PDB file of all heavy atoms in Angstrom:
ATOM      1  N   ALA A   1     -27.815  28.887 -18.239  1.00  0.00           N
ATOM      2  CA  ALA A   1     -26.974  28.871 -17.016  1.00  0.00           C
ATOM      3  C   ALA A   1     -25.691  29.533 -17.299  1.00  0.00           C
ATOM      4  O   ALA A   1     -25.008  29.442 -18.329  1.00  0.00           O
ATOM      5  CB  ALA A   1     -26.713  27.346 -16.752  1.00  0.00           C
ATOM      6  N   ALA A   2     -25.300  30.362 -16.304  1.00  0.00           N
ATOM      7  CA  ALA A   2     -24.028  31.064 -16.374  1.00  0.00           C
ATOM      8  C   ALA A   2     -23.057  30.456 -15.522  1.00  0.00           C
ATOM      9  O   ALA A   2     -23.320  29.808 -14.474  1.00  0.00           O
ATOM     10  CB  ALA A   2     -24.232  32.535 -15.855  1.00  0.00           C
ATOM     11  N   SER A   3     -21.658  30.628 -15.880  1.00  0.00           N
ATOM     12  CA  SER A   3     -20.552  29.977 -15.197  1.00  0.00           C
ATOM     13  C   SER A   3     -20.199  30.642 -13.913  1.00  0.00           C
ATOM     14  O   SER A   3     -19.462  30.069 -13.105  1.00  0.00           O
ATOM     15  CB  SER A   3     -19.411  29.820 -16.113  1.00  0.00           C
ATOM     16  OG  SER A   3     -19.032  31.088 -16.604  1.00  0.00           O
ATOM     17  N   VAL A   4     -20.559  31.949 -13.855  1.00  0.00           N
ATOM     18  CA  VAL A   4     -20.283  32.762 -12.675  1.00  0.00           C
ATOM     19  C   VAL A   4     -21.521  33.443 -12.213  1.00  0.00           C
ATOM     20  O   VAL A   4     -22.542  33.475 -12.828  1.00  0.00           O
ATOM     21  CB  VAL A   4     -19.118  33.816 -13.026  1.00  0.00           C
ATOM     22  CG1 VAL A   4     -17.933  33.060 -13.490  1.00  0.00           C
ATOM     23  CG2 VAL A   4     -19.545  34.803 -14.067  1.00  0.00           C
ATOM     24  N   ARG A   5     -21.329  34.050 -11.012  1.00  0.00           N
ATOM     25  CA  ARG A   5     -22.462  34.835 -10.481  1.00  0.00           C
ATOM     26  C   ARG A   5     -22.798  36.065 -11.354  1.00  0.00           C
ATOM     27  O   ARG A   5     -21.847  36.835 -11.723  1.00  0.00           O
ATOM     28  CB  ARG A   5     -22.079  35.286  -8.988  1.00  0.00           C
ATOM     29  CG  ARG A   5     -23.095  36.183  -8.394  1.00  0.00           C
ATOM     30  CD  ARG A   5     -22.668  36.539  -6.955  1.00  0.00           C
ATOM     31  NE  ARG A   5     -23.505  37.449  -6.327  1.00  0.00           N
ATOM     32  CZ  ARG A   5     -24.528  37.216  -5.546  1.00  0.00           C
ATOM     33  NH1 ARG A   5     -24.901  35.935  -5.494  1.00  0.00           N
ATOM     34  NH2 ARG A   5     -25.290  38.120  -4.950  1.00  0.00           N
ATOM     35  N   THR A   6     -24.104  36.148 -11.787  1.00  0.00           N
ATOM     36  CA  THR A   6     -24.414  37.329 -12.594  1.00  0.00           C
ATOM     37  C   THR A   6     -25.342  38.360 -11.825  1.00  0.00           C
ATOM     38  O   THR A   6     -25.503  39.414 -12.395  1.00  0.00           O
ATOM     39  CB  THR A   6     -25.250  36.806 -13.755  1.00  0.00           C
ATOM     40  OG1 THR A   6     -26.396  35.981 -13.316  1.00  0.00           O
ATOM     41  CG2 THR A   6     -24.409  35.895 -14.645  1.00  0.00           C
ATOM     42  N   PHE A   7     -25.719  37.995 -10.705  1.00  0.00           N
ATOM     43  CA  PHE A   7     -26.480  38.982  -9.870  1.00  0.00           C
ATOM     44  C   PHE A   7     -25.587  39.801  -9.027  1.00  0.00           C
ATOM     45  O   PHE A   7     -24.734  39.179  -8.362  1.00  0.00           O
ATOM     46  CB  PHE A   7     -27.563  38.103  -9.020  1.00  0.00           C
ATOM     47  CG  PHE A   7     -28.343  39.070  -8.159  1.00  0.00           C
ATOM     48  CD1 PHE A   7     -29.536  39.666  -8.521  1.00  0.00           C
ATOM     49  CD2 PHE A   7     -27.926  39.222  -6.817  1.00  0.00           C
ATOM     50  CE1 PHE A   7     -30.268  40.429  -7.745  1.00  0.00           C
ATOM     51  CE2 PHE A   7     -28.692  40.003  -6.001  1.00  0.00           C
ATOM     52  CZ  PHE A   7     -29.901  40.496  -6.338  1.00  0.00           C
ATOM     53  N   PRO A   8     -25.783  41.101  -8.947  1.00  0.00           N
ATOM     54  CA  PRO A   8     -26.678  41.970  -9.693  1.00  0.00           C
ATOM     55  C   PRO A   8     -26.020  42.663 -10.842  1.00  0.00           C
ATOM     56  O   PRO A   8     -26.647  43.608 -11.265  1.00  0.00           O
ATOM     57  CB  PRO A   8     -27.204  42.917  -8.647  1.00  0.00           C
ATOM     58  CG  PRO A   8     -25.905  43.171  -7.798  1.00  0.00           C
ATOM     59  CD  PRO A   8     -25.140  41.829  -7.905  1.00  0.00           C
ATOM     60  N   THR A   9     -24.985  42.175 -11.258  1.00  0.00           N
ATOM     61  CA  THR A   9     -24.086  42.973 -12.267  1.00  0.00           C
ATOM     62  C   THR A   9     -24.604  43.035 -13.693  1.00  0.00           C
ATOM     63  O   THR A   9     -24.539  43.938 -14.322  1.00  0.00           O
ATOM     64  CB  THR A   9     -22.681  42.485 -12.171  1.00  0.00           C
ATOM     65  OG1 THR A   9     -22.210  42.306 -10.786  1.00  0.00           O
ATOM     66  CG2 THR A   9     -21.732  43.280 -13.005  1.00  0.00           C
ATOM     67  N   TYR A  10     -25.075  41.864 -14.096  1.00  0.00           N
ATOM     68  CA  TYR A  10     -25.344  41.630 -15.572  1.00  0.00           C
ATOM     69  C   TYR A  10     -26.802  41.898 -15.855  1.00  0.00           C
ATOM     70  O   TYR A  10     -27.628  41.294 -15.176  1.00  0.00           O
ATOM     71  CB  TYR A  10     -24.906  40.269 -16.005  1.00  0.00           C
ATOM     72  CG  TYR A  10     -23.382  40.097 -16.127  1.00  0.00           C
ATOM     73  CD1 TYR A  10     -22.668  39.671 -15.020  1.00  0.00           C
ATOM     74  CD2 TYR A  10     -22.753  40.275 -17.404  1.00  0.00           C
ATOM     75  CE1 TYR A  10     -21.371  39.421 -15.156  1.00  0.00           C
ATOM     76  CE2 TYR A  10     -21.323  39.921 -17.506  1.00  0.00           C
ATOM     77  CZ  TYR A  10     -20.625  39.664 -16.328  1.00  0.00           C
ATOM     78  OH  TYR A  10     -19.355  39.444 -16.428  1.00  0.00           O
ATOM     79  N   VAL A  11     -27.106  42.554 -16.938  1.00  0.00           N
ATOM     80  CA  VAL A  11     -28.423  42.581 -17.620  1.00  0.00           C
ATOM     81  C   VAL A  11     -28.434  41.311 -18.433  1.00  0.00           C
ATOM     82  O   VAL A  11     -27.445  41.013 -19.143  1.00  0.00           O
ATOM     83  CB  VAL A  11     -28.640  43.771 -18.518  1.00  0.00           C
ATOM     84  CG1 VAL A  11     -29.930  43.607 -19.158  1.00  0.00           C
ATOM     85  CG2 VAL A  11     -28.698  45.064 -17.635  1.00  0.00           C
ATOM     86  N   LEU A  12     -29.397  40.534 -18.312  1.00  0.00           N
ATOM     87  CA  LEU A  12     -29.545  39.202 -19.034  1.00  0.00           C
ATOM     88  C   LEU A  12     -30.666  39.371 -20.030  1.00  0.00           C
ATOM     89  O   LEU A  12     -31.659  39.966 -19.824  1.00  0.00           O
ATOM     90  CB  LEU A  12     -29.823  38.069 -18.020  1.00  0.00           C
ATOM     91  CG  LEU A  12     -28.839  37.911 -16.943  1.00  0.00           C
ATOM     92  CD1 LEU A  12     -29.259  36.860 -15.948  1.00  0.00           C
ATOM     93  CD2 LEU A  12     -27.402  37.611 -17.528  1.00  0.00           C
ATOM     94  N   GLY A  13     -30.326  38.679 -21.204  1.00  0.00           N
ATOM     95  CA  GLY A  13     -31.373  38.797 -22.243  1.00  0.00           C
ATOM     96  C   GLY A  13     -31.545  37.592 -23.063  1.00  0.00           C
ATOM     97  O   GLY A  13     -30.746  36.550 -22.989  1.00  0.00           O
ATOM     98  N   TRP A  14     -32.492  37.671 -24.037  1.00  0.00           N
ATOM     99  CA  TRP A  14     -32.687  36.641 -25.029  1.00  0.00           C
ATOM    100  C   TRP A  14     -32.917  37.328 -26.368  1.00  0.00           C
ATOM    101  O   TRP A  14     -33.612  38.309 -26.475  1.00  0.00           O
ATOM    102  CB  TRP A  14     -33.942  35.831 -24.720  1.00  0.00           C
ATOM    103  CG  TRP A  14     -33.843  34.903 -23.575  1.00  0.00           C
ATOM    104  CD1 TRP A  14     -34.207  35.209 -22.294  1.00  0.00           C
ATOM    105  CD2 TRP A  14     -33.277  33.562 -23.589  1.00  0.00           C
ATOM    106  NE1 TRP A  14     -33.933  34.132 -21.468  1.00  0.00           N
ATOM    107  CE2 TRP A  14     -33.414  33.097 -22.254  1.00  0.00           C
ATOM    108  CE3 TRP A  14     -32.728  32.785 -24.510  1.00  0.00           C
ATOM    109  CZ2 TRP A  14     -32.919  31.795 -21.884  1.00  0.00           C
ATOM    110  CZ3 TRP A  14     -32.294  31.486 -24.151  1.00  0.00           C
ATOM    111  CH2 TRP A  14     -32.419  31.018 -22.913  1.00  0.00           C
ATOM    112  N   PHE A  15     -32.237  36.761 -27.338  1.00  0.00           N
ATOM    113  CA  PHE A  15     -32.381  37.196 -28.762  1.00  0.00           C
ATOM    114  C   PHE A  15     -32.833  35.979 -29.585  1.00  0.00           C
ATOM    115  O   PHE A  15     -32.539  34.742 -29.096  1.00  0.00           O
ATOM    116  CB  PHE A  15     -31.096  37.813 -29.262  1.00  0.00           C
ATOM    117  CG  PHE A  15     -30.710  39.150 -28.796  1.00  0.00           C
ATOM    118  CD1 PHE A  15     -30.354  39.274 -27.465  1.00  0.00           C
ATOM    119  CD2 PHE A  15     -30.951  40.204 -29.534  1.00  0.00           C
ATOM    120  CE1 PHE A  15     -30.089  40.517 -26.937  1.00  0.00           C
ATOM    121  CE2 PHE A  15     -30.627  41.486 -29.083  1.00  0.00           C
ATOM    122  CZ  PHE A  15     -30.142  41.615 -27.742  1.00  0.00           C
ATOM    123  N   ARG A  16     -33.176  36.194 -30.764  1.00  0.00           N
ATOM    124  CA  ARG A  16     -33.434  35.080 -31.704  1.00  0.00           C
ATOM    125  C   ARG A  16     -33.079  35.419 -33.080  1.00  0.00           C
ATOM    126  O   ARG A  16     -33.038  36.621 -33.511  1.00  0.00           O
ATOM    127  CB  ARG A  16     -34.977  34.639 -31.681  1.00  0.00           C
ATOM    128  CG  ARG A  16     -35.893  35.678 -32.172  1.00  0.00           C
ATOM    129  CD  ARG A  16     -37.341  35.184 -31.852  1.00  0.00           C
ATOM    130  NE  ARG A  16     -38.292  36.098 -32.420  1.00  0.00           N
ATOM    131  CZ  ARG A  16     -39.642  35.944 -32.251  1.00  0.00           C
ATOM    132  NH1 ARG A  16     -40.156  35.010 -31.549  1.00  0.00           N
ATOM    133  NH2 ARG A  16     -40.517  36.860 -32.666  1.00  0.00           N
ATOM    134  N   GLN A  17     -32.795  34.469 -33.910  1.00  0.00           N
ATOM    135  CA  GLN A  17     -32.397  34.653 -35.322  1.00  0.00           C
ATOM    136  C   GLN A  17     -33.020  33.548 -36.162  1.00  0.00           C
ATOM    137  O   GLN A  17     -32.686  32.358 -36.039  1.00  0.00           O
ATOM    138  CB  GLN A  17     -30.829  34.689 -35.476  1.00  0.00           C
ATOM    139  CG  GLN A  17     -30.389  35.133 -36.757  1.00  0.00           C
ATOM    140  CD  GLN A  17     -28.936  35.361 -36.811  1.00  0.00           C
ATOM    141  OE1 GLN A  17     -28.179  35.024 -35.930  1.00  0.00           O
ATOM    142  NE2 GLN A  17     -28.524  36.092 -37.869  1.00  0.00           N
ATOM    143  N   ALA A  18     -33.863  34.020 -37.112  1.00  0.00           N
ATOM    144  CA  ALA A  18     -34.507  33.108 -38.053  1.00  0.00           C
ATOM    145  C   ALA A  18     -33.629  33.068 -39.274  1.00  0.00           C
ATOM    146  O   ALA A  18     -32.827  34.006 -39.572  1.00  0.00           O
ATOM    147  CB  ALA A  18     -35.873  33.579 -38.410  1.00  0.00           C
ATOM    148  N   PRO A  19     -33.676  32.024 -40.078  1.00  0.00           N
ATOM    149  CA  PRO A  19     -32.920  31.875 -41.381  1.00  0.00           C
ATOM    150  C   PRO A  19     -33.074  33.154 -42.263  1.00  0.00           C
ATOM    151  O   PRO A  19     -34.211  33.564 -42.529  1.00  0.00           O
ATOM    152  CB  PRO A  19     -33.486  30.650 -41.953  1.00  0.00           C
ATOM    153  CG  PRO A  19     -34.022  29.812 -40.852  1.00  0.00           C
ATOM    154  CD  PRO A  19     -34.556  30.790 -39.872  1.00  0.00           C
ATOM    155  N   GLY A  20     -31.958  33.726 -42.658  1.00  0.00           N
ATOM    156  CA  GLY A  20     -32.079  34.909 -43.534  1.00  0.00           C
ATOM    157  C   GLY A  20     -32.337  36.150 -42.854  1.00  0.00           C
ATOM    158  O   GLY A  20     -32.477  37.198 -43.605  1.00  0.00           O
ATOM    159  N   LYS A  21     -32.522  36.196 -41.598  1.00  0.00           N
ATOM    160  CA  LYS A  21     -32.840  37.376 -40.968  1.00  0.00           C
ATOM    161  C   LYS A  21     -31.795  37.799 -39.932  1.00  0.00           C
ATOM    162  O   LYS A  21     -30.964  36.988 -39.541  1.00  0.00           O
ATOM    163  CB  LYS A  21     -34.181  37.230 -40.189  1.00  0.00           C
ATOM    164  CG  LYS A  21     -35.389  37.060 -41.095  1.00  0.00           C
ATOM    165  CD  LYS A  21     -36.695  37.071 -40.360  1.00  0.00           C
ATOM    166  CE  LYS A  21     -37.906  37.004 -41.353  1.00  0.00           C
ATOM    167  NZ  LYS A  21     -39.195  37.085 -40.635  1.00  0.00           N
ATOM    168  N   GLU A  22     -31.816  39.007 -39.427  1.00  0.00           N
ATOM    169  CA  GLU A  22     -30.932  39.546 -38.436  1.00  0.00           C
ATOM    170  C   GLU A  22     -31.331  38.980 -37.067  1.00  0.00           C
ATOM    171  O   GLU A  22     -32.428  38.768 -36.859  1.00  0.00           O
ATOM    172  CB  GLU A  22     -30.875  41.013 -38.489  1.00  0.00           C
ATOM    173  CG  GLU A  22     -30.260  41.658 -39.704  1.00  0.00           C
ATOM    174  CD  GLU A  22     -30.011  43.157 -39.648  1.00  0.00           C
ATOM    175  OE1 GLU A  22     -30.573  43.711 -38.708  1.00  0.00           O
ATOM    176  OE2 GLU A  22     -29.423  43.714 -40.568  1.00  0.00           O
ATOM    177  N   ARG A  23     -30.296  38.954 -36.183  1.00  0.00           N
ATOM    178  CA  ARG A  23     -30.585  38.617 -34.790  1.00  0.00           C
ATOM    179  C   ARG A  23     -31.510  39.740 -34.135  1.00  0.00           C
ATOM    180  O   ARG A  23     -31.146  40.919 -34.335  1.00  0.00           O
ATOM    181  CB  ARG A  23     -29.305  38.485 -33.993  1.00  0.00           C
ATOM    182  CG  ARG A  23     -29.539  37.794 -32.661  1.00  0.00           C
ATOM    183  CD  ARG A  23     -28.192  37.335 -32.094  1.00  0.00           C
ATOM    184  NE  ARG A  23     -27.504  36.392 -32.971  1.00  0.00           N
ATOM    185  CZ  ARG A  23     -26.472  35.681 -32.582  1.00  0.00           C
ATOM    186  NH1 ARG A  23     -25.947  35.934 -31.361  1.00  0.00           N
ATOM    187  NH2 ARG A  23     -25.886  34.775 -33.333  1.00  0.00           N
ATOM    188  N   GLU A  24     -32.563  39.348 -33.504  1.00  0.00           N
ATOM    189  CA  GLU A  24     -33.398  40.342 -32.985  1.00  0.00           C
ATOM    190  C   GLU A  24     -33.652  40.144 -31.477  1.00  0.00           C
ATOM    191  O   GLU A  24     -33.668  39.023 -30.941  1.00  0.00           O
ATOM    192  CB  GLU A  24     -34.817  40.322 -33.686  1.00  0.00           C
ATOM    193  CG  GLU A  24     -35.611  39.056 -33.481  1.00  0.00           C
ATOM    194  CD  GLU A  24     -37.020  39.132 -34.045  1.00  0.00           C
ATOM    195  OE1 GLU A  24     -37.431  40.213 -34.694  1.00  0.00           O
ATOM    196  OE2 GLU A  24     -37.792  38.164 -33.979  1.00  0.00           O
ATOM    197  N   PHE A  25     -33.915  41.299 -30.832  1.00  0.00           N
ATOM    198  CA  PHE A  25     -34.215  41.287 -29.398  1.00  0.00           C
ATOM    199  C   PHE A  25     -35.472  40.645 -29.116  1.00  0.00           C
ATOM    200  O   PHE A  25     -36.495  40.796 -29.729  1.00  0.00           O
ATOM    201  CB  PHE A  25     -34.218  42.757 -28.892  1.00  0.00           C
ATOM    202  CG  PHE A  25     -34.599  42.856 -27.500  1.00  0.00           C
ATOM    203  CD1 PHE A  25     -33.865  42.741 -26.417  1.00  0.00           C
ATOM    204  CD2 PHE A  25     -35.915  43.333 -27.244  1.00  0.00           C
ATOM    205  CE1 PHE A  25     -34.161  42.920 -25.166  1.00  0.00           C
ATOM    206  CE2 PHE A  25     -36.362  43.500 -25.903  1.00  0.00           C
ATOM    207  CZ  PHE A  25     -35.524  43.325 -24.856  1.00  0.00           C
ATOM    208  N   VAL A  26     -35.519  39.823 -28.000  1.00  0.00           N
ATOM    209  CA  VAL A  26     -36.742  39.190 -27.569  1.00  0.00           C
ATOM    210  C   VAL A  26     -37.172  39.748 -26.180  1.00  0.00           C
ATOM    211  O   VAL A  26     -38.304  40.147 -25.989  1.00  0.00           O
ATOM    212  CB  VAL A  26     -36.562  37.702 -27.487  1.00  0.00           C
ATOM    213  CG1 VAL A  26     -37.791  37.043 -26.867  1.00  0.00           C
ATOM    214  CG2 VAL A  26     -36.290  37.100 -28.930  1.00  0.00           C
ATOM    215  N   ALA A  27     -36.223  39.639 -25.229  1.00  0.00           N
ATOM    216  CA  ALA A  27     -36.557  40.050 -23.814  1.00  0.00           C
ATOM    217  C   ALA A  27     -35.272  40.286 -23.052  1.00  0.00           C
ATOM    218  O   ALA A  27     -34.175  39.811 -23.418  1.00  0.00           O
ATOM    219  CB  ALA A  27     -37.389  38.979 -23.117  1.00  0.00           C
ATOM    220  N   ALA A  28     -35.405  41.105 -21.981  1.00  0.00           N
ATOM    221  CA  ALA A  28     -34.313  41.366 -21.116  1.00  0.00           C
ATOM    222  C   ALA A  28     -34.777  41.589 -19.661  1.00  0.00           C
ATOM    223  O   ALA A  28     -35.950  41.863 -19.480  1.00  0.00           O
ATOM    224  CB  ALA A  28     -33.583  42.607 -21.562  1.00  0.00           C
ATOM    225  N   ILE A  29     -33.896  41.302 -18.782  1.00  0.00           N
ATOM    226  CA  ILE A  29     -34.229  41.475 -17.380  1.00  0.00           C
ATOM    227  C   ILE A  29     -33.074  42.189 -16.731  1.00  0.00           C
ATOM    228  O   ILE A  29     -31.884  41.889 -17.005  1.00  0.00           O
ATOM    229  CB  ILE A  29     -34.522  40.157 -16.645  1.00  0.00           C
ATOM    230  CG1 ILE A  29     -35.044  40.289 -15.259  1.00  0.00           C
ATOM    231  CG2 ILE A  29     -33.353  39.090 -16.665  1.00  0.00           C
ATOM    232  CD1 ILE A  29     -35.713  39.060 -14.725  1.00  0.00           C
ATOM    233  N   SER A  30     -33.321  43.084 -15.806  1.00  0.00           N
ATOM    234  CA  SER A  30     -32.255  43.922 -15.165  1.00  0.00           C
ATOM    235  C   SER A  30     -31.462  43.072 -14.247  1.00  0.00           C
ATOM    236  O   SER A  30     -31.846  42.025 -13.766  1.00  0.00           O
ATOM    237  CB  SER A  30     -33.001  45.070 -14.484  1.00  0.00           C
ATOM    238  OG  SER A  30     -33.800  44.527 -13.309  1.00  0.00           O
ATOM    239  N   GLY A  31     -30.286  43.657 -13.816  1.00  0.00           N
ATOM    240  CA  GLY A  31     -29.376  43.069 -12.906  1.00  0.00           C
ATOM    241  C   GLY A  31     -30.100  42.657 -11.609  1.00  0.00           C
ATOM    242  O   GLY A  31     -29.760  41.543 -11.053  1.00  0.00           O
ATOM    243  N   SER A  32     -30.851  43.538 -11.099  1.00  0.00           N
ATOM    244  CA  SER A  32     -31.554  43.201  -9.819  1.00  0.00           C
ATOM    245  C   SER A  32     -32.817  42.325  -9.968  1.00  0.00           C
ATOM    246  O   SER A  32     -33.352  41.914  -9.012  1.00  0.00           O
ATOM    247  CB  SER A  32     -31.959  44.512  -9.128  1.00  0.00           C
ATOM    248  OG  SER A  32     -32.825  45.207  -9.982  1.00  0.00           O
ATOM    249  N   GLY A  33     -33.257  42.115 -11.231  1.00  0.00           N
ATOM    250  CA  GLY A  33     -34.390  41.323 -11.586  1.00  0.00           C
ATOM    251  C   GLY A  33     -35.715  41.980 -11.393  1.00  0.00           C
ATOM    252  O   GLY A  33     -36.738  41.378 -11.550  1.00  0.00           O
ATOM    253  N   ASP A  34     -35.697  43.358 -11.106  1.00  0.00           N
ATOM    254  CA  ASP A  34     -36.943  44.015 -10.854  1.00  0.00           C
ATOM    255  C   ASP A  34     -37.551  44.646 -12.165  1.00  0.00           C
ATOM    256  O   ASP A  34     -38.693  45.300 -12.072  1.00  0.00           O
ATOM    257  CB  ASP A  34     -36.773  45.058  -9.724  1.00  0.00           C
ATOM    258  CG  ASP A  34     -35.773  46.137 -10.138  1.00  0.00           C
ATOM    259  OD1 ASP A  34     -34.968  45.919 -11.002  1.00  0.00           O
ATOM    260  OD2 ASP A  34     -35.804  47.230  -9.469  1.00  0.00           O
ATOM    261  N   LYS A  35     -36.835  44.664 -13.207  1.00  0.00           N
ATOM    262  CA  LYS A  35     -37.370  45.261 -14.435  1.00  0.00           C
ATOM    263  C   LYS A  35     -37.197  44.334 -15.609  1.00  0.00           C
ATOM    264  O   LYS A  35     -36.234  43.595 -15.762  1.00  0.00           O
ATOM    265  CB  LYS A  35     -36.566  46.508 -14.761  1.00  0.00           C
ATOM    266  CG  LYS A  35     -36.695  47.710 -13.730  1.00  0.00           C
ATOM    267  CD  LYS A  35     -36.008  48.949 -14.162  1.00  0.00           C
ATOM    268  CE  LYS A  35     -34.512  48.798 -13.990  1.00  0.00           C
ATOM    269  NZ  LYS A  35     -34.145  48.821 -12.578  1.00  0.00           N
ATOM    270  N   THR A  36     -38.210  44.237 -16.502  1.00  0.00           N
ATOM    271  CA  THR A  36     -38.136  43.463 -17.623  1.00  0.00           C
ATOM    272  C   THR A  36     -38.592  44.238 -18.858  1.00  0.00           C
ATOM    273  O   THR A  36     -39.299  45.265 -18.780  1.00  0.00           O
ATOM    274  CB  THR A  36     -39.105  42.258 -17.547  1.00  0.00           C
ATOM    275  OG1 THR A  36     -40.420  42.618 -17.230  1.00  0.00           O
ATOM    276  CG2 THR A  36     -38.671  41.249 -16.421  1.00  0.00           C
ATOM    277  N   ALA A  37     -38.164  43.821 -19.987  1.00  0.00           N
ATOM    278  CA  ALA A  37     -38.522  44.464 -21.242  1.00  0.00           C
ATOM    279  C   ALA A  37     -38.750  43.312 -22.299  1.00  0.00           C
ATOM    280  O   ALA A  37     -38.096  42.341 -22.254  1.00  0.00           O
ATOM    281  CB  ALA A  37     -37.444  45.396 -21.720  1.00  0.00           C
ATOM    282  N   TYR A  38     -39.641  43.690 -23.254  1.00  0.00           N
ATOM    283  CA  TYR A  38     -39.999  42.641 -24.274  1.00  0.00           C
ATOM    284  C   TYR A  38     -40.157  43.265 -25.590  1.00  0.00           C
ATOM    285  O   TYR A  38     -40.663  44.412 -25.734  1.00  0.00           O
ATOM    286  CB  TYR A  38     -41.341  41.916 -23.887  1.00  0.00           C
ATOM    287  CG  TYR A  38     -41.342  41.113 -22.621  1.00  0.00           C
ATOM    288  CD1 TYR A  38     -41.663  41.721 -21.431  1.00  0.00           C
ATOM    289  CD2 TYR A  38     -40.801  39.848 -22.626  1.00  0.00           C
ATOM    290  CE1 TYR A  38     -41.592  41.025 -20.199  1.00  0.00           C
ATOM    291  CE2 TYR A  38     -40.793  39.115 -21.407  1.00  0.00           C
ATOM    292  CZ  TYR A  38     -41.220  39.708 -20.219  1.00  0.00           C
ATOM    293  OH  TYR A  38     -41.100  38.981 -19.090  1.00  0.00           O
ATOM    294  N   ALA A  39     -39.868  42.457 -26.656  1.00  0.00           N
ATOM    295  CA  ALA A  39     -40.252  42.910 -27.976  1.00  0.00           C
ATOM    296  C   ALA A  39     -41.734  42.815 -28.128  1.00  0.00           C
ATOM    297  O   ALA A  39     -42.415  41.969 -27.468  1.00  0.00           O
ATOM    298  CB  ALA A  39     -39.597  41.962 -29.011  1.00  0.00           C
TER     299      ALA A  39
END
């Protein structure tokens, strides 16, 4: 949940970090919501 309006300005994403590893990209969605990308 975001504290302010994020549409359509922000690209939103998810990352993850396992113990001893670097933070890695998982997924992203465009500001308009019409494009997605995945690891």
